[in-house]
Amino acid sequence: MDSTQARTDHELPVFIYRRFRASLDLRGASVEGVARQAKVSSRHIWHVVTGRRRGSQALLQVIREIIGAPGWAFATGCTDILRDEPVSHGPA
């Protein structure tokens, strides 16, 4: 198996654009902030989210960290519920 085929074999998430935006908004995040943290352009983020480009595992991990597991599930269509839950900032 060549490296190109190996790269296409792993399953990539399919984002639902409006849900992705809602997930970002709920966390007070922006595409520009995601891009800065992932060290890519915001244009690249838009291409990944709209399915025009493949996101690297590192980029997808940054997105998941920023929008959280519930936001990720909502943005990728795994759930239809997005709750506004407080973010834990460590022990109280």
PDB file of N, CA and C in Angstrom:
ATOM      1  N   MET A   1       0.850  -1.171   0.000  1.00  0.00           N
ATOM      2  CA  MET A   1       0.000   0.000   0.000  1.00  0.00           C
ATOM      3  C   MET A   1       0.898   1.236   0.000  1.00  0.00           C
ATOM      4  N   ASP A   2       0.636   2.167  -0.902  1.00  0.00           N
ATOM      5  CA  ASP A   2       1.458   3.378  -0.939  1.00  0.00           C
ATOM      6  C   ASP A   2       0.959   4.392   0.089  1.00  0.00           C
ATOM      7  N   SER A   3       1.761   5.435   0.333  1.00  0.00           N
ATOM      8  CA  SER A   3       1.435   6.409   1.381  1.00  0.00           C
ATOM      9  C   SER A   3       0.173   7.198   1.065  1.00  0.00           C
ATOM     10  N   THR A   4      -0.126   7.429  -0.202  1.00  0.00           N
ATOM     11  CA  THR A   4      -1.337   8.161  -0.569  1.00  0.00           C
ATOM     12  C   THR A   4      -2.572   7.356  -0.193  1.00  0.00           C
ATOM     13  N   GLN A   5      -2.554   6.079  -0.486  1.00  0.00           N
ATOM     14  CA  GLN A   5      -3.694   5.237  -0.151  1.00  0.00           C
ATOM     15  C   GLN A   5      -3.851   5.130   1.366  1.00  0.00           C
ATOM     16  N   ALA A   6      -2.767   5.021   2.077  1.00  0.00           N
ATOM     17  CA  ALA A   6      -2.827   4.938   3.533  1.00  0.00           C
ATOM     18  C   ALA A   6      -3.441   6.202   4.111  1.00  0.00           C
ATOM     19  N   ARG A   7      -3.124   7.329   3.525  1.00  0.00           N
ATOM     20  CA  ARG A   7      -3.654   8.597   4.021  1.00  0.00           C
ATOM     21  C   ARG A   7      -5.152   8.706   3.800  1.00  0.00           C
ATOM     22  N   THR A   8      -5.654   8.156   2.697  1.00  0.00           N
ATOM     23  CA  THR A   8      -7.074   8.260   2.410  1.00  0.00           C
ATOM     24  C   THR A   8      -7.889   7.189   3.120  1.00  0.00           C
ATOM     25  N   ASP A   9      -7.228   6.186   3.690  1.00  0.00           N
ATOM     26  CA  ASP A   9      -7.954   5.115   4.351  1.00  0.00           C
ATOM     27  C   ASP A   9      -8.555   5.534   5.692  1.00  0.00           C
ATOM     28  N   HIS A  10      -7.928   6.480   6.413  1.00  0.00           N
ATOM     29  CA  HIS A  10      -8.506   6.860   7.693  1.00  0.00           C
ATOM     30  C   HIS A  10      -9.700   7.779   7.466  1.00  0.00           C
ATOM     31  N   GLU A  11     -10.700   7.574   8.278  1.00  0.00           N
ATOM     32  CA  GLU A  11     -11.960   8.281   8.105  1.00  0.00           C
ATOM     33  C   GLU A  11     -11.858   9.699   8.666  1.00  0.00           C
ATOM     34  N   LEU A  12     -12.229  10.675   7.871  1.00  0.00           N
ATOM     35  CA  LEU A  12     -12.211  12.064   8.301  1.00  0.00           C
ATOM     36  C   LEU A  12     -13.625  12.522   8.630  1.00  0.00           C
ATOM     37  N   PRO A  13     -13.752  13.429   9.577  1.00  0.00           N
ATOM     38  CA  PRO A  13     -15.087  13.917   9.923  1.00  0.00           C
ATOM     39  C   PRO A  13     -15.652  14.798   8.812  1.00  0.00           C
ATOM     40  N   VAL A  14     -16.954  14.789   8.707  1.00  0.00           N
ATOM     41  CA  VAL A  14     -17.646  15.682   7.783  1.00  0.00           C
ATOM     42  C   VAL A  14     -18.340  16.719   8.651  1.00  0.00           C
ATOM     43  N   PHE A  15     -17.924  17.962   8.494  1.00  0.00           N
ATOM     44  CA  PHE A  15     -18.499  19.038   9.293  1.00  0.00           C
ATOM     45  C   PHE A  15     -19.762  19.576   8.645  1.00  0.00           C
ATOM     46  N   ILE A  16     -20.704  19.955   9.478  1.00  0.00           N
ATOM     47  CA  ILE A  16     -21.894  20.674   9.033  1.00  0.00           C
ATOM     48  C   ILE A  16     -21.613  22.135   9.361  1.00  0.00           C
ATOM     49  N   TYR A  17     -21.479  22.949   8.319  1.00  0.00           N
ATOM     50  CA  TYR A  17     -20.987  24.317   8.444  1.00  0.00           C
ATOM     51  C   TYR A  17     -21.693  25.118   9.543  1.00  0.00           C
ATOM     52  N   ARG A  18     -22.995  25.190   9.520  1.00  0.00           N
ATOM     53  CA  ARG A  18     -23.721  26.010  10.503  1.00  0.00           C
ATOM     54  C   ARG A  18     -23.554  25.474  11.917  1.00  0.00           C
ATOM     55  N   ARG A  19     -23.482  24.174  12.037  1.00  0.00           N
ATOM     56  CA  ARG A  19     -23.284  23.585  13.359  1.00  0.00           C
ATOM     57  C   ARG A  19     -21.869  23.867  13.869  1.00  0.00           C
ATOM     58  N   PHE A  20     -20.900  23.836  12.974  1.00  0.00           N
ATOM     59  CA  PHE A  20     -19.535  24.175  13.357  1.00  0.00           C
ATOM     60  C   PHE A  20     -19.478  25.611  13.868  1.00  0.00           C
ATOM     61  N   ARG A  21     -20.110  26.518  13.142  1.00  0.00           N
ATOM     62  CA  ARG A  21     -20.144  27.926  13.570  1.00  0.00           C
ATOM     63  C   ARG A  21     -20.813  28.082  14.921  1.00  0.00           C
ATOM     64  N   ALA A  22     -21.925  27.382  15.127  1.00  0.00           N
ATOM     65  CA  ALA A  22     -22.633  27.453  16.405  1.00  0.00           C
ATOM     66  C   ALA A  22     -21.749  26.927  17.539  1.00  0.00           C
ATOM     67  N   SER A  23     -21.026  25.858  17.281  1.00  0.00           N
ATOM     68  CA  SER A  23     -20.128  25.284  18.292  1.00  0.00           C
ATOM     69  C   SER A  23     -19.032  26.271  18.662  1.00  0.00           C
ATOM     70  N   LEU A  24     -18.482  26.945  17.661  1.00  0.00           N
ATOM     71  CA  LEU A  24     -17.473  27.970  17.927  1.00  0.00           C
ATOM     72  C   LEU A  24     -18.064  29.124  18.729  1.00  0.00           C
ATOM     73  N   ASP A  25     -19.222  29.616  18.300  1.00  0.00           N
ATOM     74  CA  ASP A  25     -19.864  30.749  18.971  1.00  0.00           C
ATOM     75  C   ASP A  25     -20.160  30.436  20.432  1.00  0.00           C
ATOM     76  N   LEU A  26     -20.624  29.237  20.681  1.00  0.00           N
ATOM     77  CA  LEU A  26     -20.969  28.847  22.042  1.00  0.00           C
ATOM     78  C   LEU A  26     -19.748  28.864  22.957  1.00  0.00           C
ATOM     79  N   ARG A  27     -18.587  28.548  22.421  1.00  0.00           N
ATOM     80  CA  ARG A  27     -17.354  28.549  23.205  1.00  0.00           C
ATOM     81  C   ARG A  27     -16.648  29.908  23.190  1.00  0.00           C
ATOM     82  N   GLY A  28     -17.228  30.875  22.466  1.00  0.00           N
ATOM     83  CA  GLY A  28     -16.604  32.192  22.380  1.00  0.00           C
ATOM     84  C   GLY A  28     -15.349  32.165  21.534  1.00  0.00           C
ATOM     85  N   ALA A  29     -15.280  31.224  20.606  1.00  0.00           N
ATOM     86  CA  ALA A  29     -14.099  31.055  19.759  1.00  0.00           C
ATOM     87  C   ALA A  29     -14.387  31.568  18.350  1.00  0.00           C
ATOM     88  N   SER A  30     -13.337  31.648  17.567  1.00  0.00           N
ATOM     89  CA  SER A  30     -13.466  32.096  16.185  1.00  0.00           C
ATOM     90  C   SER A  30     -12.592  31.233  15.292  1.00  0.00           C
ATOM     91  N   VAL A  31     -12.884  31.278  14.009  1.00  0.00           N
ATOM     92  CA  VAL A  31     -12.065  30.552  13.044  1.00  0.00           C
ATOM     93  C   VAL A  31     -10.642  31.092  13.078  1.00  0.00           C
ATOM     94  N   GLU A  32     -10.496  32.389  13.238  1.00  0.00           N
ATOM     95  CA  GLU A  32      -9.176  32.994  13.290  1.00  0.00           C
ATOM     96  C   GLU A  32      -8.398  32.489  14.499  1.00  0.00           C
ATOM     97  N   GLY A  33      -9.076  32.339  15.635  1.00  0.00           N
ATOM     98  CA  GLY A  33      -8.427  31.807  16.827  1.00  0.00           C
ATOM     99  C   GLY A  33      -7.997  30.360  16.643  1.00  0.00           C
ATOM    100  N   VAL A  34      -8.839  29.568  15.994  1.00  0.00           N
ATOM    101  CA  VAL A  34      -8.489  28.183  15.692  1.00  0.00           C
ATOM    102  C   VAL A  34      -7.257  28.155  14.795  1.00  0.00           C
ATOM    103  N   ALA A  35      -7.263  29.014  13.785  1.00  0.00           N
ATOM    104  CA  ALA A  35      -6.150  29.063  12.839  1.00  0.00           C
ATOM    105  C   ALA A  35      -4.849  29.450  13.538  1.00  0.00           C
ATOM    106  N   ARG A  36      -4.911  30.440  14.428  1.00  0.00           N
ATOM    107  CA  ARG A  36      -3.705  30.851  15.163  1.00  0.00           C
ATOM    108  C   ARG A  36      -3.160  29.701  16.003  1.00  0.00           C
ATOM    109  N   GLN A  37      -4.048  29.011  16.708  1.00  0.00           N
ATOM    110  CA  GLN A  37      -3.594  27.931  17.573  1.00  0.00           C
ATOM    111  C   GLN A  37      -3.054  26.750  16.759  1.00  0.00           C
ATOM    112  N   ALA A  38      -3.654  26.498  15.595  1.00  0.00           N
ATOM    113  CA  ALA A  38      -3.209  25.377  14.755  1.00  0.00           C
ATOM    114  C   ALA A  38      -2.048  25.768  13.842  1.00  0.00           C
ATOM    115  N   LYS A  39      -1.732  27.066  13.800  1.00  0.00           N
ATOM    116  CA  LYS A  39      -0.646  27.584  12.955  1.00  0.00           C
ATOM    117  C   LYS A  39      -0.898  27.320  11.468  1.00  0.00           C
ATOM    118  N   VAL A  40      -2.149  27.575  11.059  1.00  0.00           N
ATOM    119  CA  VAL A  40      -2.545  27.509   9.650  1.00  0.00           C
ATOM    120  C   VAL A  40      -3.353  28.764   9.355  1.00  0.00           C
ATOM    121  N   SER A  41      -3.694  28.972   8.102  1.00  0.00           N
ATOM    122  CA  SER A  41      -4.495  30.145   7.757  1.00  0.00           C
ATOM    123  C   SER A  41      -5.977  29.885   8.033  1.00  0.00           C
ATOM    124  N   SER A  42      -6.705  30.957   8.286  1.00  0.00           N
ATOM    125  CA  SER A  42      -8.151  30.806   8.483  1.00  0.00           C
ATOM    126  C   SER A  42      -8.807  30.307   7.199  1.00  0.00           C
ATOM    127  N   ARG A  43      -8.250  30.664   6.079  1.00  0.00           N
ATOM    128  CA  ARG A  43      -8.773  30.185   4.789  1.00  0.00           C
ATOM    129  C   ARG A  43      -8.669  28.656   4.715  1.00  0.00           C
ATOM    130  N   HIS A  44      -7.562  28.109   5.216  1.00  0.00           N
ATOM    131  CA  HIS A  44      -7.400  26.654   5.226  1.00  0.00           C
ATOM    132  C   HIS A  44      -8.469  26.011   6.112  1.00  0.00           C
ATOM    133  N   ILE A  45      -8.735  26.626   7.268  1.00  0.00           N
ATOM    134  CA  ILE A  45      -9.783  26.106   8.157  1.00  0.00           C
ATOM    135  C   ILE A  45     -11.114  26.053   7.415  1.00  0.00           C
ATOM    136  N   TRP A  46     -11.454  27.129   6.714  1.00  0.00           N
ATOM    137  CA  TRP A  46     -12.725  27.160   5.972  1.00  0.00           C
ATOM    138  C   TRP A  46     -12.772  26.066   4.922  1.00  0.00           C
ATOM    139  N   HIS A  47     -11.673  25.847   4.228  1.00  0.00           N
ATOM    140  CA  HIS A  47     -11.644  24.786   3.221  1.00  0.00           C
ATOM    141  C   HIS A  47     -11.835  23.409   3.859  1.00  0.00           C
ATOM    142  N   VAL A  48     -11.249  23.185   5.018  1.00  0.00           N
ATOM    143  CA  VAL A  48     -11.396  21.909   5.706  1.00  0.00           C
ATOM    144  C   VAL A  48     -12.840  21.721   6.171  1.00  0.00           C
ATOM    145  N   VAL A  49     -13.403  22.763   6.768  1.00  0.00           N
ATOM    146  CA  VAL A  49     -14.763  22.663   7.304  1.00  0.00           C
ATOM    147  C   VAL A  49     -15.798  22.475   6.195  1.00  0.00           C
ATOM    148  N   THR A  50     -15.557  23.058   5.047  1.00  0.00           N
ATOM    149  CA  THR A  50     -16.513  22.925   3.945  1.00  0.00           C
ATOM    150  C   THR A  50     -16.214  21.723   3.050  1.00  0.00           C
ATOM    151  N   GLY A  51     -15.198  20.933   3.413  1.00  0.00           N
ATOM    152  CA  GLY A  51     -14.916  19.699   2.694  1.00  0.00           C
ATOM    153  C   GLY A  51     -14.092  19.844   1.430  1.00  0.00           C
ATOM    154  N   ARG A  52     -13.500  20.997   1.213  1.00  0.00           N
ATOM    155  CA  ARG A  52     -12.686  21.208   0.014  1.00  0.00           C
ATOM    156  C   ARG A  52     -11.252  20.732   0.182  1.00  0.00           C
ATOM    157  N   ARG A  53     -10.822  20.610   1.457  1.00  0.00           N
ATOM    158  CA  ARG A  53      -9.476  20.117   1.762  1.00  0.00           C
ATOM    159  C   ARG A  53      -9.560  19.128   2.905  1.00  0.00           C
ATOM    160  N   ARG A  54      -8.535  18.306   2.984  1.00  0.00           N
ATOM    161  CA  ARG A  54      -8.431  17.350   4.082  1.00  0.00           C
ATOM    162  C   ARG A  54      -7.654  18.005   5.223  1.00  0.00           C
ATOM    163  N   GLY A  55      -8.189  17.919   6.401  1.00  0.00           N
ATOM    164  CA  GLY A  55      -7.485  18.455   7.559  1.00  0.00           C
ATOM    165  C   GLY A  55      -6.524  17.431   8.126  1.00  0.00           C
ATOM    166  N   SER A  56      -5.385  17.900   8.564  1.00  0.00           N
ATOM    167  CA  SER A  56      -4.417  16.994   9.198  1.00  0.00           C
ATOM    168  C   SER A  56      -4.978  16.557  10.550  1.00  0.00           C
ATOM    169  N   GLN A  57      -4.437  15.484  11.072  1.00  0.00           N
ATOM    170  CA  GLN A  57      -4.868  15.019  12.393  1.00  0.00           C
ATOM    171  C   GLN A  57      -4.572  16.074  13.451  1.00  0.00           C
ATOM    172  N   ALA A  58      -3.465  16.788  13.307  1.00  0.00           N
ATOM    173  CA  ALA A  58      -3.114  17.842  14.264  1.00  0.00           C
ATOM    174  C   ALA A  58      -4.150  18.970  14.233  1.00  0.00           C
ATOM    175  N   LEU A  59      -4.566  19.373  13.046  1.00  0.00           N
ATOM    176  CA  LEU A  59      -5.568  20.426  12.917  1.00  0.00           C
ATOM    177  C   LEU A  59      -6.905  19.971  13.498  1.00  0.00           C
ATOM    178  N   LEU A  60      -7.311  18.769  13.172  1.00  0.00           N
ATOM    179  CA  LEU A  60      -8.577  18.253  13.686  1.00  0.00           C
ATOM    180  C   LEU A  60      -8.548  18.160  15.209  1.00  0.00           C
ATOM    181  N   GLN A  61      -7.406  17.838  15.768  1.00  0.00           N
ATOM    182  CA  GLN A  61      -7.272  17.774  17.227  1.00  0.00           C
ATOM    183  C   GLN A  61      -7.429  19.169  17.839  1.00  0.00           C
ATOM    184  N   VAL A  62      -6.853  20.181  17.221  1.00  0.00           N
ATOM    185  CA  VAL A  62      -6.996  21.554  17.729  1.00  0.00           C
ATOM    186  C   VAL A  62      -8.459  21.978  17.680  1.00  0.00           C
ATOM    187  N   ILE A  63      -9.129  21.684  16.573  1.00  0.00           N
ATOM    188  CA  ILE A  63     -10.553  22.027  16.457  1.00  0.00           C
ATOM    189  C   ILE A  63     -11.342  21.339  17.564  1.00  0.00           C
ATOM    190  N   ARG A  64     -11.072  20.050  17.761  1.00  0.00           N
ATOM    191  CA  ARG A  64     -11.798  19.290  18.786  1.00  0.00           C
ATOM    192  C   ARG A  64     -11.546  19.864  20.177  1.00  0.00           C
ATOM    193  N   GLU A  65     -10.315  20.263  20.468  1.00  0.00           N
ATOM    194  CA  GLU A  65      -9.996  20.845  21.770  1.00  0.00           C
ATOM    195  C   GLU A  65     -10.725  22.164  21.979  1.00  0.00           C
ATOM    196  N   ILE A  66     -10.828  22.954  20.941  1.00  0.00           N
ATOM    197  CA  ILE A  66     -11.447  24.273  21.075  1.00  0.00           C
ATOM    198  C   ILE A  66     -12.965  24.177  21.214  1.00  0.00           C
ATOM    199  N   ILE A  67     -13.616  23.352  20.407  1.00  0.00           N
ATOM    200  CA  ILE A  67     -15.082  23.285  20.488  1.00  0.00           C
ATOM    201  C   ILE A  67     -15.560  22.234  21.486  1.00  0.00           C
ATOM    202  N   GLY A  68     -14.646  21.423  21.993  1.00  0.00           N
ATOM    203  CA  GLY A  68     -15.005  20.424  22.989  1.00  0.00           C
ATOM    204  C   GLY A  68     -15.700  19.217  22.368  1.00  0.00           C
ATOM    205  N   ALA A  69     -15.783  18.158  23.148  1.00  0.00           N
ATOM    206  CA  ALA A  69     -16.399  16.924  22.652  1.00  0.00           C
ATOM    207  C   ALA A  69     -17.873  17.107  22.276  1.00  0.00           C
ATOM    208  N   PRO A  70     -18.670  17.828  23.109  1.00  0.00           N
ATOM    209  CA  PRO A  70     -20.074  18.026  22.712  1.00  0.00           C
ATOM    210  C   PRO A  70     -20.201  18.861  21.427  1.00  0.00           C
ATOM    211  N   GLY A  71     -19.363  19.877  21.285  1.00  0.00           N
ATOM    212  CA  GLY A  71     -19.379  20.703  20.075  1.00  0.00           C
ATOM    213  C   GLY A  71     -18.959  19.915  18.854  1.00  0.00           C
ATOM    214  N   TRP A  72     -17.959  19.047  19.032  1.00  0.00           N
ATOM    215  CA  TRP A  72     -17.490  18.192  17.943  1.00  0.00           C
ATOM    216  C   TRP A  72     -18.610  17.260  17.480  1.00  0.00           C
ATOM    217  N   ALA A  73     -19.270  16.615  18.443  1.00  0.00           N
ATOM    218  CA  ALA A  73     -20.365  15.691  18.105  1.00  0.00           C
ATOM    219  C   ALA A  73     -21.476  16.429  17.368  1.00  0.00           C
ATOM    220  N   PHE A  74     -21.780  17.653  17.796  1.00  0.00           N
ATOM    221  CA  PHE A  74     -22.824  18.449  17.150  1.00  0.00           C
ATOM    222  C   PHE A  74     -22.387  18.893  15.755  1.00  0.00           C
ATOM    223  N   ALA A  75     -21.155  19.391  15.642  1.00  0.00           N
ATOM    224  CA  ALA A  75     -20.657  19.910  14.358  1.00  0.00           C
ATOM    225  C   ALA A  75     -20.503  18.818  13.306  1.00  0.00           C
ATOM    226  N   THR A  76     -20.280  17.590  13.747  1.00  0.00           N
ATOM    227  CA  THR A  76     -20.105  16.487  12.797  1.00  0.00           C
ATOM    228  C   THR A  76     -21.373  15.657  12.622  1.00  0.00           C
ATOM    229  N   GLY A  77     -22.460  16.080  13.227  1.00  0.00           N
ATOM    230  CA  GLY A  77     -23.744  15.408  13.029  1.00  0.00           C
ATOM    231  C   GLY A  77     -23.948  14.148  13.848  1.00  0.00           C
ATOM    232  N   CYS A  78     -23.098  13.915  14.848  1.00  0.00           N
ATOM    233  CA  CYS A  78     -23.260  12.728  15.703  1.00  0.00           C
ATOM    234  C   CYS A  78     -24.393  12.899  16.703  1.00  0.00           C
ATOM    235  N   THR A  79     -24.751  14.150  16.974  1.00  0.00           N
ATOM    236  CA  THR A  79     -25.872  14.452  17.863  1.00  0.00           C
ATOM    237  C   THR A  79     -26.573  15.696  17.337  1.00  0.00           C
ATOM    238  N   ASP A  80     -27.827  15.833  17.707  1.00  0.00           N
ATOM    239  CA  ASP A  80     -28.592  17.010  17.293  1.00  0.00           C
ATOM    240  C   ASP A  80     -28.750  18.008  18.433  1.00  0.00           C
ATOM    241  N   ILE A  81     -28.040  17.784  19.521  1.00  0.00           N
ATOM    242  CA  ILE A  81     -28.170  18.637  20.701  1.00  0.00           C
ATOM    243  C   ILE A  81     -26.837  19.295  21.014  1.00  0.00           C
ATOM    244  N   LEU A  82     -26.875  20.610  21.174  1.00  0.00           N
ATOM    245  CA  LEU A  82     -25.698  21.361  21.600  1.00  0.00           C
ATOM    246  C   LEU A  82     -26.097  22.137  22.843  1.00  0.00           C
ATOM    247  N   ARG A  83     -25.508  21.774  23.948  1.00  0.00           N
ATOM    248  CA  ARG A  83     -25.866  22.406  25.229  1.00  0.00           C
ATOM    249  C   ARG A  83     -24.826  23.456  25.610  1.00  0.00           C
ATOM    250  N   ASP A  84     -25.321  24.506  26.231  1.00  0.00           N
ATOM    251  CA  ASP A  84     -24.453  25.558  26.750  1.00  0.00           C
ATOM    252  C   ASP A  84     -24.052  25.188  28.165  1.00  0.00           C
ATOM    253  N   GLU A  85     -22.970  24.424  28.269  1.00  0.00           N
ATOM    254  CA  GLU A  85     -22.501  23.979  29.571  1.00  0.00           C
ATOM    255  C   GLU A  85     -21.241  24.740  29.936  1.00  0.00           C
ATOM    256  N   PRO A  86     -21.072  25.052  31.204  1.00  0.00           N
ATOM    257  CA  PRO A  86     -19.866  25.778  31.616  1.00  0.00           C
ATOM    258  C   PRO A  86     -18.623  24.938  31.378  1.00  0.00           C
ATOM    259  N   VAL A  87     -17.552  25.616  31.044  1.00  0.00           N
ATOM    260  CA  VAL A  87     -16.266  24.964  30.825  1.00  0.00           C
ATOM    261  C   VAL A  87     -15.558  24.861  32.163  1.00  0.00           C
ATOM    262  N   SER A  88     -15.059  23.693  32.464  1.00  0.00           N
ATOM    263  CA  SER A  88     -14.336  23.492  33.714  1.00  0.00           C
ATOM    264  C   SER A  88     -12.950  24.091  33.595  1.00  0.00           C
ATOM    265  N   HIS A  89     -12.567  24.906  34.555  1.00  0.00           N
ATOM    266  CA  HIS A  89     -11.245  25.526  34.563  1.00  0.00           C
ATOM    267  C   HIS A  89     -10.397  24.952  35.686  1.00  0.00           C
ATOM    268  N   GLY A  90     -10.612  23.718  36.000  1.00  0.00           N
ATOM    269  CA  GLY A  90      -9.830  23.070  37.044  1.00  0.00           C
ATOM    270  C   GLY A  90     -10.580  23.014  38.355  1.00  0.00           C
ATOM    271  N   PRO A  91      -9.917  22.552  39.398  1.00  0.00           N
ATOM    272  CA  PRO A  91     -10.566  22.426  40.714  1.00  0.00           C
ATOM    273  C   PRO A  91     -10.992  23.787  41.274  1.00  0.00           C
ATOM    274  N   ALA A  92     -12.119  23.789  41.948  1.00  0.00           N
ATOM    275  CA  ALA A  92     -12.634  25.046  42.509  1.00  0.00           C
ATOM    276  C   ALA A  92     -12.019  25.354  43.837  1.00  0.00           C
TER     277      ALA A  92
END
